Amino acid sequence: MIFDRQFLALTLEALGSVFIAFTALSVHHNFLSEHRVDDKVLKTMKFEQKIGVIGVVMIVSGYLLNVV
């Protein structure tokens, strides 16, 4: 059956990781649009956002590889 215990655990873990990643990315986005920061901090935060998006793609890809 597709909804066995391992599938459920994997799904909840992946969703939790994605939710945490999107929350962190959202905080970065809100901070960048609402606060004045110097160029070094701005560059670092934009880089962290890109790494965060790559991380979300990796989590989703890993989940799909495990499930399919």
PDB file of N, CA and C in Angstrom:
ATOM      1  N   MET A   1       0.845  -1.189   0.000  1.00  0.00           N
ATOM      2  CA  MET A   1       0.000   0.000   0.000  1.00  0.00           C
ATOM      3  C   MET A   1       0.884   1.244   0.000  1.00  0.00           C
ATOM      4  N   ILE A   2       0.461   2.271  -0.724  1.00  0.00           N
ATOM      5  CA  ILE A   2       1.273   3.474  -0.887  1.00  0.00           C
ATOM      6  C   ILE A   2       1.348   4.311   0.392  1.00  0.00           C
ATOM      7  N   PHE A   3       0.380   4.187   1.279  1.00  0.00           N
ATOM      8  CA  PHE A   3       0.376   4.999   2.489  1.00  0.00           C
ATOM      9  C   PHE A   3       0.866   4.215   3.688  1.00  0.00           C
ATOM     10  N   ASP A   4       1.954   3.472   3.530  1.00  0.00           N
ATOM     11  CA  ASP A   4       2.506   2.755   4.663  1.00  0.00           C
ATOM     12  C   ASP A   4       3.278   3.714   5.568  1.00  0.00           C
ATOM     13  N   ARG A   5       3.780   3.211   6.646  1.00  0.00           N
ATOM     14  CA  ARG A   5       4.444   4.030   7.669  1.00  0.00           C
ATOM     15  C   ARG A   5       5.685   4.745   7.120  1.00  0.00           C
ATOM     16  N   GLN A   6       6.491   4.050   6.344  1.00  0.00           N
ATOM     17  CA  GLN A   6       7.715   4.657   5.807  1.00  0.00           C
ATOM     18  C   GLN A   6       7.384   5.792   4.841  1.00  0.00           C
ATOM     19  N   PHE A   7       6.399   5.598   3.995  1.00  0.00           N
ATOM     20  CA  PHE A   7       5.981   6.641   3.065  1.00  0.00           C
ATOM     21  C   PHE A   7       5.495   7.874   3.819  1.00  0.00           C
ATOM     22  N   LEU A   8       4.697   7.653   4.847  1.00  0.00           N
ATOM     23  CA  LEU A   8       4.179   8.761   5.642  1.00  0.00           C
ATOM     24  C   LEU A   8       5.313   9.512   6.337  1.00  0.00           C
ATOM     25  N   ALA A   9       6.266   8.783   6.903  1.00  0.00           N
ATOM     26  CA  ALA A   9       7.405   9.416   7.581  1.00  0.00           C
ATOM     27  C   ALA A   9       8.234  10.235   6.604  1.00  0.00           C
ATOM     28  N   LEU A  10       8.507   9.676   5.432  1.00  0.00           N
ATOM     29  CA  LEU A  10       9.288  10.378   4.416  1.00  0.00           C
ATOM     30  C   LEU A  10       8.569  11.636   3.951  1.00  0.00           C
ATOM     31  N   THR A  11       7.265  11.530   3.744  1.00  0.00           N
ATOM     32  CA  THR A  11       6.467  12.671   3.297  1.00  0.00           C
ATOM     33  C   THR A  11       6.451  13.785   4.332  1.00  0.00           C
ATOM     34  N   LEU A  12       6.211  13.431   5.587  1.00  0.00           N
ATOM     35  CA  LEU A  12       6.177  14.448   6.640  1.00  0.00           C
ATOM     36  C   LEU A  12       7.545  15.107   6.835  1.00  0.00           C
ATOM     37  N   GLU A  13       8.609  14.319   6.745  1.00  0.00           N
ATOM     38  CA  GLU A  13       9.958  14.881   6.882  1.00  0.00           C
ATOM     39  C   GLU A  13      10.261  15.856   5.753  1.00  0.00           C
ATOM     40  N   ALA A  14       9.931  15.466   4.529  1.00  0.00           N
ATOM     41  CA  ALA A  14      10.193  16.344   3.378  1.00  0.00           C
ATOM     42  C   ALA A  14       9.362  17.620   3.473  1.00  0.00           C
ATOM     43  N   LEU A  15       8.087  17.494   3.797  1.00  0.00           N
ATOM     44  CA  LEU A  15       7.238  18.683   3.922  1.00  0.00           C
ATOM     45  C   LEU A  15       7.729  19.604   5.038  1.00  0.00           C
ATOM     46  N   GLY A  16       8.113  19.041   6.152  1.00  0.00           N
ATOM     47  CA  GLY A  16       8.636  19.850   7.253  1.00  0.00           C
ATOM     48  C   GLY A  16       9.895  20.601   6.858  1.00  0.00           C
ATOM     49  N   SER A  17      10.787  19.926   6.156  1.00  0.00           N
ATOM     50  CA  SER A  17      12.024  20.573   5.699  1.00  0.00           C
ATOM     51  C   SER A  17      11.731  21.701   4.721  1.00  0.00           C
ATOM     52  N   VAL A  18      10.803  21.460   3.808  1.00  0.00           N
ATOM     53  CA  VAL A  18      10.445  22.492   2.828  1.00  0.00           C
ATOM     54  C   VAL A  18       9.786  23.678   3.526  1.00  0.00           C
ATOM     55  N   PHE A  19       8.904  23.425   4.493  1.00  0.00           N
ATOM     56  CA  PHE A  19       8.260  24.521   5.225  1.00  0.00           C
ATOM     57  C   PHE A  19       9.290  25.365   5.964  1.00  0.00           C
ATOM     58  N   ILE A  20      10.250  24.719   6.611  1.00  0.00           N
ATOM     59  CA  ILE A  20      11.300  25.458   7.323  1.00  0.00           C
ATOM     60  C   ILE A  20      12.131  26.278   6.342  1.00  0.00           C
ATOM     61  N   ALA A  21      12.473  25.684   5.202  1.00  0.00           N
ATOM     62  CA  ALA A  21      13.275  26.400   4.202  1.00  0.00           C
ATOM     63  C   ALA A  21      12.522  27.606   3.657  1.00  0.00           C
ATOM     64  N   PHE A  22      11.249  27.428   3.329  1.00  0.00           N
ATOM     65  CA  PHE A  22      10.475  28.551   2.811  1.00  0.00           C
ATOM     66  C   PHE A  22      10.301  29.649   3.858  1.00  0.00           C
ATOM     67  N   THR A  23      10.185  29.266   5.111  1.00  0.00           N
ATOM     68  CA  THR A  23      10.091  30.265   6.175  1.00  0.00           C
ATOM     69  C   THR A  23      11.371  31.086   6.250  1.00  0.00           C
ATOM     70  N   ALA A  24      12.509  30.424   6.209  1.00  0.00           N
ATOM     71  CA  ALA A  24      13.790  31.142   6.246  1.00  0.00           C
ATOM     72  C   ALA A  24      13.945  32.042   5.028  1.00  0.00           C
ATOM     73  N   LEU A  25      13.571  31.540   3.864  1.00  0.00           N
ATOM     74  CA  LEU A  25      13.667  32.358   2.651  1.00  0.00           C
ATOM     75  C   LEU A  25      12.723  33.557   2.715  1.00  0.00           C
ATOM     76  N   SER A  26      11.568  33.362   3.293  1.00  0.00           N
ATOM     77  CA  SER A  26      10.604  34.454   3.435  1.00  0.00           C
ATOM     78  C   SER A  26      11.139  35.536   4.355  1.00  0.00           C
ATOM     79  N   VAL A  27      11.767  35.125   5.439  1.00  0.00           N
ATOM     80  CA  VAL A  27      12.357  36.099   6.369  1.00  0.00           C
ATOM     81  C   VAL A  27      13.431  36.911   5.652  1.00  0.00           C
ATOM     82  N   HIS A  28      14.282  36.238   4.881  1.00  0.00           N
ATOM     83  CA  HIS A  28      15.313  36.947   4.125  1.00  0.00           C
ATOM     84  C   HIS A  28      14.668  37.938   3.152  1.00  0.00           C
ATOM     85  N   HIS A  29      13.664  37.492   2.451  1.00  0.00           N
ATOM     86  CA  HIS A  29      13.008  38.356   1.465  1.00  0.00           C
ATOM     87  C   HIS A  29      12.400  39.590   2.142  1.00  0.00           C
ATOM     88  N   ASN A  30      11.688  39.369   3.233  1.00  0.00           N
ATOM     89  CA  ASN A  30      11.063  40.494   3.946  1.00  0.00           C
ATOM     90  C   ASN A  30      12.113  41.463   4.483  1.00  0.00           C
ATOM     91  N   PHE A  31      13.193  40.931   5.021  1.00  0.00           N
ATOM     92  CA  PHE A  31      14.254  41.785   5.557  1.00  0.00           C
ATOM     93  C   PHE A  31      14.886  42.620   4.445  1.00  0.00           C
ATOM     94  N   LEU A  32      15.135  41.970   3.317  1.00  0.00           N
ATOM     95  CA  LEU A  32      15.771  42.692   2.211  1.00  0.00           C
ATOM     96  C   LEU A  32      14.882  43.800   1.666  1.00  0.00           C
ATOM     97  N   SER A  33      13.567  43.593   1.660  1.00  0.00           N
ATOM     98  CA  SER A  33      12.691  44.614   1.102  1.00  0.00           C
ATOM     99  C   SER A  33      12.324  45.708   2.089  1.00  0.00           C
ATOM    100  N   GLU A  34      12.467  45.473   3.382  1.00  0.00           N
ATOM    101  CA  GLU A  34      11.993  46.455   4.351  1.00  0.00           C
ATOM    102  C   GLU A  34      13.093  47.188   5.115  1.00  0.00           C
ATOM    103  N   HIS A  35      14.296  46.680   5.118  1.00  0.00           N
ATOM    104  CA  HIS A  35      15.356  47.305   5.909  1.00  0.00           C
ATOM    105  C   HIS A  35      16.484  47.782   5.000  1.00  0.00           C
ATOM    106  N   ARG A  36      17.132  48.801   5.473  1.00  0.00           N
ATOM    107  CA  ARG A  36      18.300  49.284   4.750  1.00  0.00           C
ATOM    108  C   ARG A  36      19.525  48.550   5.285  1.00  0.00           C
ATOM    109  N   VAL A  37      20.249  47.939   4.369  1.00  0.00           N
ATOM    110  CA  VAL A  37      21.452  47.195   4.735  1.00  0.00           C
ATOM    111  C   VAL A  37      22.570  47.595   3.792  1.00  0.00           C
ATOM    112  N   ASP A  38      23.794  47.366   4.248  1.00  0.00           N
ATOM    113  CA  ASP A  38      24.906  47.707   3.373  1.00  0.00           C
ATOM    114  C   ASP A  38      25.055  46.644   2.280  1.00  0.00           C
ATOM    115  N   ASP A  39      25.888  46.943   1.303  1.00  0.00           N
ATOM    116  CA  ASP A  39      26.027  46.078   0.128  1.00  0.00           C
ATOM    117  C   ASP A  39      26.528  44.684   0.477  1.00  0.00           C
ATOM    118  N   LYS A  40      27.435  44.593   1.459  1.00  0.00           N
ATOM    119  CA  LYS A  40      27.988  43.291   1.828  1.00  0.00           C
ATOM    120  C   LYS A  40      26.895  42.388   2.400  1.00  0.00           C
ATOM    121  N   VAL A  41      26.074  42.913   3.286  1.00  0.00           N
ATOM    122  CA  VAL A  41      24.987  42.131   3.878  1.00  0.00           C
ATOM    123  C   VAL A  41      23.965  41.771   2.805  1.00  0.00           C
ATOM    124  N   LEU A  42      23.657  42.706   1.934  1.00  0.00           N
ATOM    125  CA  LEU A  42      22.705  42.473   0.855  1.00  0.00           C
ATOM    126  C   LEU A  42      23.180  41.338  -0.050  1.00  0.00           C
ATOM    127  N   LYS A  43      24.454  41.361  -0.427  1.00  0.00           N
ATOM    128  CA  LYS A  43      25.017  40.304  -1.271  1.00  0.00           C
ATOM    129  C   LYS A  43      24.954  38.950  -0.574  1.00  0.00           C
ATOM    130  N   THR A  44      25.307  38.936   0.705  1.00  0.00           N
ATOM    131  CA  THR A  44      25.302  37.685   1.466  1.00  0.00           C
ATOM    132  C   THR A  44      23.899  37.116   1.564  1.00  0.00           C
ATOM    133  N   MET A  45      22.922  37.960   1.836  1.00  0.00           N
ATOM    134  CA  MET A  45      21.550  37.480   1.982  1.00  0.00           C
ATOM    135  C   MET A  45      20.995  36.986   0.647  1.00  0.00           C
ATOM    136  N   LYS A  46      21.321  37.648  -0.438  1.00  0.00           N
ATOM    137  CA  LYS A  46      20.871  37.177  -1.754  1.00  0.00           C
ATOM    138  C   LYS A  46      21.495  35.822  -2.084  1.00  0.00           C
ATOM    139  N   PHE A  47      22.767  35.658  -1.737  1.00  0.00           N
ATOM    140  CA  PHE A  47      23.438  34.375  -1.945  1.00  0.00           C
ATOM    141  C   PHE A  47      22.772  33.284  -1.102  1.00  0.00           C
ATOM    142  N   GLU A  48      22.462  33.594   0.150  1.00  0.00           N
ATOM    143  CA  GLU A  48      21.801  32.630   1.025  1.00  0.00           C
ATOM    144  C   GLU A  48      20.423  32.251   0.490  1.00  0.00           C
ATOM    145  N   GLN A  49      19.723  33.202  -0.098  1.00  0.00           N
ATOM    146  CA  GLN A  49      18.423  32.898  -0.699  1.00  0.00           C
ATOM    147  C   GLN A  49      18.584  31.911  -1.842  1.00  0.00           C
ATOM    148  N   LYS A  50      19.580  32.124  -2.687  1.00  0.00           N
ATOM    149  CA  LYS A  50      19.804  31.209  -3.811  1.00  0.00           C
ATOM    150  C   LYS A  50      20.143  29.811  -3.309  1.00  0.00           C
ATOM    151  N   ILE A  51      20.992  29.724  -2.307  1.00  0.00           N
ATOM    152  CA  ILE A  51      21.346  28.425  -1.737  1.00  0.00           C
ATOM    153  C   ILE A  51      20.106  27.775  -1.125  1.00  0.00           C
ATOM    154  N   GLY A  52      19.258  28.562  -0.486  1.00  0.00           N
ATOM    155  CA  GLY A  52      18.025  28.039   0.090  1.00  0.00           C
ATOM    156  C   GLY A  52      17.095  27.467  -0.954  1.00  0.00           C
ATOM    157  N   VAL A  53      16.957  28.150  -2.081  1.00  0.00           N
ATOM    158  CA  VAL A  53      16.103  27.647  -3.163  1.00  0.00           C
ATOM    159  C   VAL A  53      16.681  26.342  -3.720  1.00  0.00           C
ATOM    160  N   ILE A  54      17.983  26.294  -3.888  1.00  0.00           N
ATOM    161  CA  ILE A  54      18.628  25.059  -4.353  1.00  0.00           C
ATOM    162  C   ILE A  54      18.369  23.932  -3.355  1.00  0.00           C
ATOM    163  N   GLY A  55      18.440  24.251  -2.069  1.00  0.00           N
ATOM    164  CA  GLY A  55      18.164  23.253  -1.033  1.00  0.00           C
ATOM    165  C   GLY A  55      16.747  22.715  -1.116  1.00  0.00           C
ATOM    166  N   VAL A  56      15.782  23.591  -1.336  1.00  0.00           N
ATOM    167  CA  VAL A  56      14.385  23.150  -1.474  1.00  0.00           C
ATOM    168  C   VAL A  56      14.243  22.237  -2.692  1.00  0.00           C
ATOM    169  N   VAL A  57      14.861  22.604  -3.792  1.00  0.00           N
ATOM    170  CA  VAL A  57      14.801  21.768  -4.988  1.00  0.00           C
ATOM    171  C   VAL A  57      15.427  20.394  -4.704  1.00  0.00           C
ATOM    172  N   MET A  58      16.521  20.365  -3.967  1.00  0.00           N
ATOM    173  CA  MET A  58      17.162  19.098  -3.625  1.00  0.00           C
ATOM    174  C   MET A  58      16.273  18.243  -2.723  1.00  0.00           C
ATOM    175  N   ILE A  59      15.613  18.860  -1.750  1.00  0.00           N
ATOM    176  CA  ILE A  59      14.712  18.119  -0.857  1.00  0.00           C
ATOM    177  C   ILE A  59      13.578  17.498  -1.654  1.00  0.00           C
ATOM    178  N   VAL A  60      12.964  18.296  -2.510  1.00  0.00           N
ATOM    179  CA  VAL A  60      11.845  17.795  -3.311  1.00  0.00           C
ATOM    180  C   VAL A  60      12.323  16.711  -4.276  1.00  0.00           C
ATOM    181  N   SER A  61      13.467  16.909  -4.894  1.00  0.00           N
ATOM    182  CA  SER A  61      14.014  15.903  -5.810  1.00  0.00           C
ATOM    183  C   SER A  61      14.309  14.598  -5.079  1.00  0.00           C
ATOM    184  N   GLY A  62      14.918  14.684  -3.908  1.00  0.00           N
ATOM    185  CA  GLY A  62      15.212  13.494  -3.121  1.00  0.00           C
ATOM    186  C   GLY A  62      13.945  12.767  -2.720  1.00  0.00           C
ATOM    187  N   TYR A  63      12.924  13.523  -2.360  1.00  0.00           N
ATOM    188  CA  TYR A  63      11.647  12.923  -2.010  1.00  0.00           C
ATOM    189  C   TYR A  63      11.059  12.174  -3.198  1.00  0.00           C
ATOM    190  N   LEU A  64      11.055  12.827  -4.354  1.00  0.00           N
ATOM    191  CA  LEU A  64      10.506  12.184  -5.551  1.00  0.00           C
ATOM    192  C   LEU A  64      11.283  10.930  -5.930  1.00  0.00           C
ATOM    193  N   LEU A  65      12.603  10.968  -5.777  1.00  0.00           N
ATOM    194  CA  LEU A  65      13.413   9.779  -6.079  1.00  0.00           C
ATOM    195  C   LEU A  65      13.084   8.637  -5.124  1.00  0.00           C
ATOM    196  N   ASN A  66      12.799   8.943  -3.878  1.00  0.00           N
ATOM    197  CA  ASN A  66      12.457   7.901  -2.906  1.00  0.00           C
ATOM    198  C   ASN A  66      11.072   7.326  -3.143  1.00  0.00           C
ATOM    199  N   VAL A  67      10.142   8.166  -3.562  1.00  0.00           N
ATOM    200  CA  VAL A  67       8.747   7.736  -3.685  1.00  0.00           C
ATOM    201  C   VAL A  67       8.489   7.034  -5.014  1.00  0.00           C
ATOM    202  N   VAL A  68       9.079   7.539  -6.074  1.00  0.00           N
ATOM    203  CA  VAL A  68       8.788   6.993  -7.410  1.00  0.00           C
ATOM    204  C   VAL A  68       9.612   5.769  -7.708  1.00  0.00           C
TER     205      VAL A  68
END
